[in-house]
Amino acid sequence: MVLKIINKSTNPLPKYESEQAAGMDIRCNIAEPITLAPMERRLIPTGLFIELPAGYEAQIRPRSGLALKRGLTVLNTPGTIDADYRGEVGVILINLSGEPQTIEPGERICQMVIAKHETPEVVEVEALSDTERGAGGFGHSGRK
């Protein structure tokens, strides 16, 4: 599989930071630092434009270190980039901490996971098959 990328930023191409990493780190494309107030969200540009093969999506996910140490996370996680989208990859960051958080130019702000997906035929039916679980959800199996 090939991921085609146009890079209009001054940052290097996204890359995997370890040999078995599932996600490649994405950097912000900003000229000046951006400070997010507590609970503030903002669309952060990356300068990246991608072309995925049909049957694949790119998932934008938070970086665990930013989430734990600074309270910065991706708001619509995972964000999905469809194979037919050709616009700039933007990342919706939110500051969930109690302090202002500053994002520096070129900082790694999220990770991108490439995933294969299916496009099923959708069929309307009158009933679904029975299972032991049935309609149980939202903690129905208890806490322990």
N, C-alpha and C. Protein backbone atom coordinates (compact mmCIF):
# COMPACT_ATOMS: atom_id res chain seq x y z
N MET A 1 0.85 -1.18 0.00
CA MET A 1 0.00 0.00 0.00
C MET A 1 0.88 1.23 0.00
N VAL A 2 0.47 2.25 -0.73
CA VAL A 2 1.22 3.50 -0.82
C VAL A 2 0.35 4.64 -0.31
N LEU A 3 0.90 5.47 0.54
CA LEU A 3 0.24 6.68 1.01
C LEU A 3 0.93 7.86 0.33
N LYS A 4 0.21 8.54 -0.55
CA LYS A 4 0.76 9.70 -1.24
C LYS A 4 0.50 10.94 -0.39
N ILE A 5 1.55 11.76 -0.21
CA ILE A 5 1.44 12.96 0.63
C ILE A 5 2.03 14.16 -0.10
N ILE A 6 1.28 15.25 -0.12
CA ILE A 6 1.83 16.56 -0.49
C ILE A 6 2.11 17.26 0.82
N ASN A 7 3.34 17.73 0.99
CA ASN A 7 3.75 18.39 2.23
C ASN A 7 4.01 19.87 1.95
N LYS A 8 3.06 20.72 2.32
CA LYS A 8 3.20 22.17 2.14
C LYS A 8 3.70 22.84 3.42
N SER A 9 4.14 22.05 4.39
CA SER A 9 4.69 22.60 5.63
C SER A 9 6.21 22.64 5.52
N THR A 10 6.83 23.17 6.55
CA THR A 10 8.29 23.14 6.64
C THR A 10 8.77 21.96 7.48
N ASN A 11 7.84 21.11 7.89
CA ASN A 11 8.16 19.95 8.73
C ASN A 11 8.51 18.74 7.87
N PRO A 12 9.20 17.77 8.46
CA PRO A 12 9.44 16.52 7.72
C PRO A 12 8.13 15.77 7.52
N LEU A 13 8.13 14.80 6.61
CA LEU A 13 6.97 13.95 6.41
C LEU A 13 6.63 13.21 7.70
N PRO A 14 5.36 12.84 7.88
CA PRO A 14 5.01 12.02 9.04
C PRO A 14 5.83 10.75 9.04
N LYS A 15 6.16 10.28 10.25
CA LYS A 15 6.93 9.04 10.33
C LYS A 15 6.58 8.28 11.59
N TYR A 16 6.89 6.98 11.54
CA TYR A 16 6.71 6.12 12.70
C TYR A 16 7.92 6.31 13.59
N GLU A 17 7.68 6.54 14.89
CA GLU A 17 8.77 6.82 15.82
C GLU A 17 9.43 5.56 16.37
N SER A 18 8.80 4.40 16.15
CA SER A 18 9.43 3.14 16.52
C SER A 18 9.07 2.10 15.47
N GLU A 19 9.80 1.02 15.44
CA GLU A 19 9.65 0.01 14.40
C GLU A 19 8.26 -0.60 14.34
N GLN A 20 7.60 -0.78 15.48
CA GLN A 20 6.30 -1.43 15.49
C GLN A 20 5.15 -0.48 15.86
N ALA A 21 5.39 0.80 15.73
CA ALA A 21 4.34 1.78 16.02
C ALA A 21 3.19 1.64 15.03
N ALA A 22 1.96 1.76 15.52
CA ALA A 22 0.79 1.70 14.66
C ALA A 22 0.51 3.05 14.01
N GLY A 23 0.86 4.12 14.71
CA GLY A 23 0.57 5.46 14.21
C GLY A 23 1.83 6.25 13.92
N MET A 24 1.75 7.09 12.90
CA MET A 24 2.86 7.99 12.59
C MET A 24 2.53 9.36 13.15
N ASP A 25 3.54 10.02 13.68
CA ASP A 25 3.32 11.33 14.30
C ASP A 25 3.13 12.41 13.24
N ILE A 26 2.18 13.30 13.53
CA ILE A 26 1.86 14.43 12.66
C ILE A 26 2.22 15.71 13.41
N ARG A 27 2.86 16.64 12.71
CA ARG A 27 3.27 17.91 13.30
C ARG A 27 2.36 19.05 12.85
N CYS A 28 2.25 20.07 13.70
CA CYS A 28 1.45 21.24 13.33
C CYS A 28 2.23 22.11 12.35
N ASN A 29 1.50 22.83 11.53
CA ASN A 29 2.09 23.75 10.57
C ASN A 29 1.63 25.16 10.93
N ILE A 30 2.31 25.74 11.91
CA ILE A 30 1.98 27.09 12.37
C ILE A 30 3.25 27.94 12.40
N ALA A 31 3.09 29.21 12.13
CA ALA A 31 4.25 30.11 12.10
C ALA A 31 4.60 30.64 13.49
N GLU A 32 3.59 30.78 14.34
CA GLU A 32 3.76 31.30 15.69
C GLU A 32 3.15 30.32 16.69
N PRO A 33 3.61 30.33 17.94
CA PRO A 33 2.98 29.48 18.95
C PRO A 33 1.49 29.82 19.10
N ILE A 34 0.72 28.81 19.42
CA ILE A 34 -0.72 28.98 19.69
C ILE A 34 -0.96 28.53 21.12
N THR A 35 -1.63 29.39 21.90
CA THR A 35 -1.98 29.02 23.28
C THR A 35 -3.46 28.74 23.36
N LEU A 36 -3.78 27.55 23.86
CA LEU A 36 -5.16 27.15 24.08
C LEU A 36 -5.50 27.33 25.56
N ALA A 37 -6.55 28.09 25.83
CA ALA A 37 -7.03 28.25 27.20
C ALA A 37 -7.70 26.95 27.64
N PRO A 38 -7.90 26.75 28.93
CA PRO A 38 -8.64 25.57 29.38
C PRO A 38 -9.99 25.46 28.67
N MET A 39 -10.28 24.27 28.18
CA MET A 39 -11.52 23.93 27.45
C MET A 39 -11.62 24.60 26.07
N GLU A 40 -10.59 25.28 25.63
CA GLU A 40 -10.62 25.87 24.29
C GLU A 40 -10.23 24.80 23.27
N ARG A 41 -10.90 24.85 22.13
CA ARG A 41 -10.57 23.95 21.02
C ARG A 41 -10.24 24.79 19.79
N ARG A 42 -9.40 24.23 18.94
CA ARG A 42 -9.01 24.95 17.73
C ARG A 42 -8.62 23.96 16.66
N LEU A 43 -8.91 24.31 15.41
CA LEU A 43 -8.47 23.51 14.27
C LEU A 43 -7.04 23.89 13.96
N ILE A 44 -6.14 22.94 14.06
CA ILE A 44 -4.71 23.18 13.87
C ILE A 44 -4.30 22.64 12.49
N PRO A 45 -3.71 23.48 11.65
CA PRO A 45 -3.29 23.01 10.33
C PRO A 45 -2.03 22.16 10.39
N THR A 46 -1.90 21.26 9.41
CA THR A 46 -0.71 20.41 9.33
C THR A 46 0.12 20.66 8.07
N GLY A 47 -0.49 21.27 7.07
CA GLY A 47 0.21 21.46 5.79
C GLY A 47 0.28 20.18 4.97
N LEU A 48 -0.42 19.15 5.41
CA LEU A 48 -0.38 17.85 4.72
C LEU A 48 -1.67 17.60 3.95
N PHE A 49 -1.52 17.03 2.77
CA PHE A 49 -2.62 16.62 1.92
C PHE A 49 -2.31 15.18 1.53
N ILE A 50 -3.29 14.28 1.71
CA ILE A 50 -3.00 12.86 1.48
C ILE A 50 -3.93 12.26 0.45
N GLU A 51 -3.45 11.17 -0.16
CA GLU A 51 -4.26 10.37 -1.08
C GLU A 51 -4.13 8.92 -0.65
N LEU A 52 -5.24 8.39 -0.17
CA LEU A 52 -5.31 6.99 0.26
C LEU A 52 -5.94 6.14 -0.84
N PRO A 53 -5.55 4.88 -0.92
CA PRO A 53 -6.24 3.99 -1.85
C PRO A 53 -7.67 3.73 -1.36
N ALA A 54 -8.57 3.41 -2.30
CA ALA A 54 -9.94 3.03 -1.93
C ALA A 54 -9.89 1.86 -0.96
N GLY A 55 -10.78 1.89 0.03
CA GLY A 55 -10.82 0.82 1.03
C GLY A 55 -9.98 1.10 2.25
N TYR A 56 -9.35 2.28 2.32
CA TYR A 56 -8.53 2.66 3.47
C TYR A 56 -9.03 3.99 4.02
N GLU A 57 -8.76 4.21 5.30
CA GLU A 57 -9.01 5.49 5.95
C GLU A 57 -7.78 5.86 6.76
N ALA A 58 -7.64 7.13 7.05
CA ALA A 58 -6.62 7.59 7.99
C ALA A 58 -7.36 8.02 9.26
N GLN A 59 -6.93 7.49 10.40
CA GLN A 59 -7.54 7.84 11.67
C GLN A 59 -6.59 8.79 12.42
N ILE A 60 -7.11 9.93 12.83
CA ILE A 60 -6.33 10.90 13.60
C ILE A 60 -6.63 10.66 15.07
N ARG A 61 -5.58 10.38 15.84
CA ARG A 61 -5.73 10.03 17.25
C ARG A 61 -4.82 10.89 18.12
N PRO A 62 -5.16 11.01 19.41
CA PRO A 62 -4.31 11.78 20.32
C PRO A 62 -2.95 11.12 20.53
N ARG A 63 -1.98 11.91 20.92
CA ARG A 63 -0.70 11.39 21.40
C ARG A 63 -0.85 11.24 22.91
N SER A 64 -0.54 10.06 23.42
CA SER A 64 -0.77 9.77 24.84
C SER A 64 0.03 10.69 25.75
N GLY A 65 1.23 11.04 25.38
CA GLY A 65 2.05 11.92 26.22
C GLY A 65 1.45 13.31 26.35
N LEU A 66 0.93 13.86 25.25
CA LEU A 66 0.28 15.18 25.31
C LEU A 66 -0.98 15.12 26.18
N ALA A 67 -1.71 14.03 26.06
CA ALA A 67 -2.95 13.90 26.84
C ALA A 67 -2.64 13.80 28.33
N LEU A 68 -1.69 12.94 28.69
CA LEU A 68 -1.37 12.73 30.10
C LEU A 68 -0.66 13.92 30.72
N LYS A 69 0.36 14.42 30.08
CA LYS A 69 1.20 15.46 30.68
C LYS A 69 0.62 16.86 30.57
N ARG A 70 -0.14 17.14 29.48
CA ARG A 70 -0.59 18.51 29.25
C ARG A 70 -2.09 18.66 29.07
N GLY A 71 -2.82 17.56 29.03
CA GLY A 71 -4.27 17.65 28.87
C GLY A 71 -4.73 18.00 27.47
N LEU A 72 -3.83 17.90 26.48
CA LEU A 72 -4.20 18.19 25.09
C LEU A 72 -4.61 16.90 24.40
N THR A 73 -5.76 16.94 23.74
CA THR A 73 -6.23 15.74 23.05
C THR A 73 -6.95 16.13 21.77
N VAL A 74 -7.21 15.14 20.94
CA VAL A 74 -7.95 15.34 19.70
C VAL A 74 -9.44 15.22 20.04
N LEU A 75 -10.21 16.22 19.68
CA LEU A 75 -11.60 16.28 20.12
C LEU A 75 -12.48 15.21 19.49
N ASN A 76 -12.41 15.00 18.22
CA ASN A 76 -13.27 14.01 17.55
C ASN A 76 -12.47 12.74 17.28
N THR A 77 -12.10 12.08 18.34
CA THR A 77 -11.17 10.97 18.18
C THR A 77 -11.87 9.63 18.07
N PRO A 78 -11.49 8.74 17.17
CA PRO A 78 -10.55 9.11 16.11
C PRO A 78 -11.25 9.89 15.01
N GLY A 79 -10.57 10.89 14.52
CA GLY A 79 -11.06 11.63 13.35
C GLY A 79 -10.78 10.78 12.12
N THR A 80 -11.72 10.70 11.22
CA THR A 80 -11.55 9.89 10.02
C THR A 80 -11.29 10.76 8.81
N ILE A 81 -10.27 10.40 8.05
CA ILE A 81 -10.00 11.01 6.75
C ILE A 81 -10.32 9.95 5.71
N ASP A 82 -11.31 10.24 4.87
CA ASP A 82 -11.74 9.30 3.86
C ASP A 82 -10.79 9.29 2.66
N ALA A 83 -10.82 8.19 1.91
CA ALA A 83 -9.93 8.02 0.77
C ALA A 83 -10.17 9.04 -0.33
N ASP A 84 -11.37 9.61 -0.41
CA ASP A 84 -11.65 10.58 -1.47
C ASP A 84 -11.45 12.03 -1.04
N TYR A 85 -10.99 12.28 0.20
CA TYR A 85 -10.73 13.65 0.67
C TYR A 85 -9.37 14.12 0.18
N ARG A 86 -9.31 15.32 -0.38
CA ARG A 86 -8.05 15.85 -0.89
C ARG A 86 -7.65 17.19 -0.26
N GLY A 87 -8.38 17.64 0.74
CA GLY A 87 -8.04 18.90 1.39
C GLY A 87 -6.94 18.72 2.42
N GLU A 88 -6.58 19.81 3.05
CA GLU A 88 -5.53 19.77 4.08
C GLU A 88 -6.01 19.00 5.30
N VAL A 89 -5.12 18.20 5.86
CA VAL A 89 -5.42 17.50 7.11
C VAL A 89 -5.37 18.52 8.23
N GLY A 90 -6.50 18.68 8.92
CA GLY A 90 -6.58 19.56 10.07
C GLY A 90 -6.87 18.73 11.31
N VAL A 91 -6.39 19.18 12.45
CA VAL A 91 -6.53 18.44 13.70
C VAL A 91 -7.25 19.33 14.71
N ILE A 92 -8.38 18.83 15.24
CA ILE A 92 -9.12 19.59 16.24
C ILE A 92 -8.54 19.25 17.61
N LEU A 93 -7.74 20.16 18.15
CA LEU A 93 -7.16 19.96 19.48
C LEU A 93 -8.01 20.69 20.51
N ILE A 94 -8.09 20.10 21.70
CA ILE A 94 -8.76 20.73 22.83
C ILE A 94 -7.85 20.62 24.05
N ASN A 95 -7.88 21.66 24.86
CA ASN A 95 -7.12 21.69 26.10
C ASN A 95 -8.06 21.33 27.25
N LEU A 96 -7.92 20.10 27.75
CA LEU A 96 -8.76 19.65 28.86
C LEU A 96 -8.12 19.89 30.22
N SER A 97 -6.97 20.53 30.23
CA SER A 97 -6.30 20.82 31.51
C SER A 97 -6.88 22.08 32.12
N GLY A 98 -6.46 22.40 33.31
CA GLY A 98 -6.89 23.61 33.99
C GLY A 98 -5.98 24.80 33.74
N GLU A 99 -4.97 24.62 32.90
CA GLU A 99 -3.99 25.67 32.63
C GLU A 99 -3.89 25.93 31.13
N PRO A 100 -3.53 27.14 30.71
CA PRO A 100 -3.28 27.38 29.29
C PRO A 100 -2.13 26.49 28.81
N GLN A 101 -2.26 25.99 27.58
CA GLN A 101 -1.23 25.12 26.99
C GLN A 101 -0.81 25.71 25.65
N THR A 102 0.50 25.83 25.45
CA THR A 102 1.03 26.42 24.23
C THR A 102 1.57 25.34 23.30
N ILE A 103 1.16 25.43 22.04
CA ILE A 103 1.62 24.53 20.99
C ILE A 103 2.67 25.29 20.19
N GLU A 104 3.83 24.69 20.06
CA GLU A 104 4.94 25.33 19.35
C GLU A 104 4.95 24.94 17.87
N PRO A 105 5.45 25.81 16.99
CA PRO A 105 5.56 25.45 15.57
C PRO A 105 6.33 24.14 15.41
N GLY A 106 5.81 23.26 14.58
CA GLY A 106 6.47 21.99 14.30
C GLY A 106 6.29 20.92 15.36
N GLU A 107 5.53 21.21 16.42
CA GLU A 107 5.33 20.23 17.49
C GLU A 107 4.47 19.06 16.99
N ARG A 108 4.79 17.86 17.49
CA ARG A 108 4.00 16.67 17.18
C ARG A 108 2.70 16.75 17.98
N ILE A 109 1.56 16.81 17.29
CA ILE A 109 0.29 17.07 17.96
C ILE A 109 -0.68 15.89 17.95
N CYS A 110 -0.43 14.90 17.11
CA CYS A 110 -1.34 13.75 17.04
C CYS A 110 -0.62 12.62 16.32
N GLN A 111 -1.32 11.51 16.18
CA GLN A 111 -0.79 10.43 15.38
C GLN A 111 -1.84 10.02 14.36
N MET A 112 -1.36 9.47 13.25
CA MET A 112 -2.24 9.03 12.17
C MET A 112 -2.05 7.53 11.96
N VAL A 113 -3.17 6.81 12.04
CA VAL A 113 -3.18 5.36 11.82
C VAL A 113 -3.91 5.10 10.51
N ILE A 114 -3.30 4.33 9.64
CA ILE A 114 -3.94 3.95 8.38
C ILE A 114 -4.62 2.60 8.59
N ALA A 115 -5.91 2.52 8.25
CA ALA A 115 -6.68 1.31 8.50
C ALA A 115 -7.50 0.93 7.28
N LYS A 116 -7.53 -0.35 7.00
CA LYS A 116 -8.39 -0.89 5.95
C LYS A 116 -9.81 -0.98 6.51
N HIS A 117 -10.78 -0.73 5.67
CA HIS A 117 -12.17 -0.85 6.11
C HIS A 117 -13.00 -1.50 5.01
N GLU A 118 -14.14 -2.00 5.41
CA GLU A 118 -15.08 -2.62 4.48
C GLU A 118 -16.22 -1.66 4.19
N THR A 119 -16.84 -1.80 3.03
CA THR A 119 -18.04 -1.06 2.69
C THR A 119 -19.14 -2.08 2.46
N PRO A 120 -19.92 -2.37 3.51
CA PRO A 120 -20.91 -3.45 3.40
C PRO A 120 -22.13 -3.04 2.58
N GLU A 121 -22.82 -4.03 2.09
CA GLU A 121 -24.14 -3.81 1.51
C GLU A 121 -25.10 -3.65 2.68
N VAL A 122 -25.88 -2.60 2.71
CA VAL A 122 -26.82 -2.36 3.80
C VAL A 122 -28.17 -2.95 3.42
N VAL A 123 -28.69 -3.83 4.28
CA VAL A 123 -29.95 -4.51 4.03
C VAL A 123 -30.87 -4.29 5.22
N GLU A 124 -32.07 -3.80 4.96
CA GLU A 124 -33.05 -3.62 6.03
C GLU A 124 -33.74 -4.95 6.31
N VAL A 125 -33.86 -5.29 7.62
CA VAL A 125 -34.50 -6.54 8.02
C VAL A 125 -35.52 -6.23 9.11
N GLU A 126 -36.36 -7.22 9.42
CA GLU A 126 -37.38 -7.06 10.46
C GLU A 126 -36.87 -7.47 11.83
N ALA A 127 -35.84 -8.36 11.89
CA ALA A 127 -35.33 -8.85 13.17
C ALA A 127 -33.85 -9.20 13.03
N LEU A 128 -33.16 -9.19 14.17
CA LEU A 128 -31.76 -9.58 14.23
C LEU A 128 -31.66 -10.91 14.96
N SER A 129 -30.56 -11.65 14.73
CA SER A 129 -30.38 -12.93 15.40
C SER A 129 -30.21 -12.72 16.90
N ASP A 130 -30.62 -13.71 17.70
CA ASP A 130 -30.50 -13.65 19.15
C ASP A 130 -29.07 -13.99 19.58
N THR A 131 -28.62 -13.35 20.66
CA THR A 131 -27.34 -13.68 21.29
C THR A 131 -27.55 -13.73 22.79
N GLU A 132 -26.58 -14.28 23.51
CA GLU A 132 -26.68 -14.32 24.97
C GLU A 132 -26.72 -12.91 25.55
N ARG A 133 -25.95 -12.01 24.98
CA ARG A 133 -25.90 -10.63 25.47
C ARG A 133 -27.17 -9.86 25.13
N GLY A 134 -27.69 -10.09 23.95
CA GLY A 134 -28.89 -9.37 23.53
C GLY A 134 -28.63 -7.88 23.42
N ALA A 135 -29.51 -7.07 23.98
CA ALA A 135 -29.41 -5.61 23.91
C ALA A 135 -28.65 -5.00 25.08
N GLY A 136 -28.06 -5.84 25.94
CA GLY A 136 -27.34 -5.32 27.11
C GLY A 136 -26.14 -4.47 26.69
N GLY A 137 -26.00 -3.32 27.27
CA GLY A 137 -24.89 -2.42 26.96
C GLY A 137 -24.69 -1.41 28.08
N PHE A 138 -23.74 -0.52 27.89
CA PHE A 138 -23.49 0.56 28.84
C PHE A 138 -23.30 0.06 30.26
N GLY A 139 -22.41 -0.92 30.42
CA GLY A 139 -22.07 -1.41 31.74
C GLY A 139 -22.95 -2.53 32.25
N HIS A 140 -23.69 -3.16 31.38
CA HIS A 140 -24.64 -4.20 31.82
C HIS A 140 -23.96 -5.39 32.46
N SER A 141 -22.68 -5.61 32.18
CA SER A 141 -22.00 -6.80 32.75
C SER A 141 -21.41 -6.52 34.14
N GLY A 142 -21.60 -5.34 34.67
CA GLY A 142 -21.13 -5.01 36.01
C GLY A 142 -19.76 -4.38 36.01
N ARG A 143 -19.28 -4.12 37.21
CA ARG A 143 -18.01 -3.42 37.39
C ARG A 143 -16.84 -4.35 37.56
N LYS A 144 -17.06 -5.55 38.10
CA LYS A 144 -15.96 -6.46 38.38
C LYS A 144 -16.12 -7.72 37.59
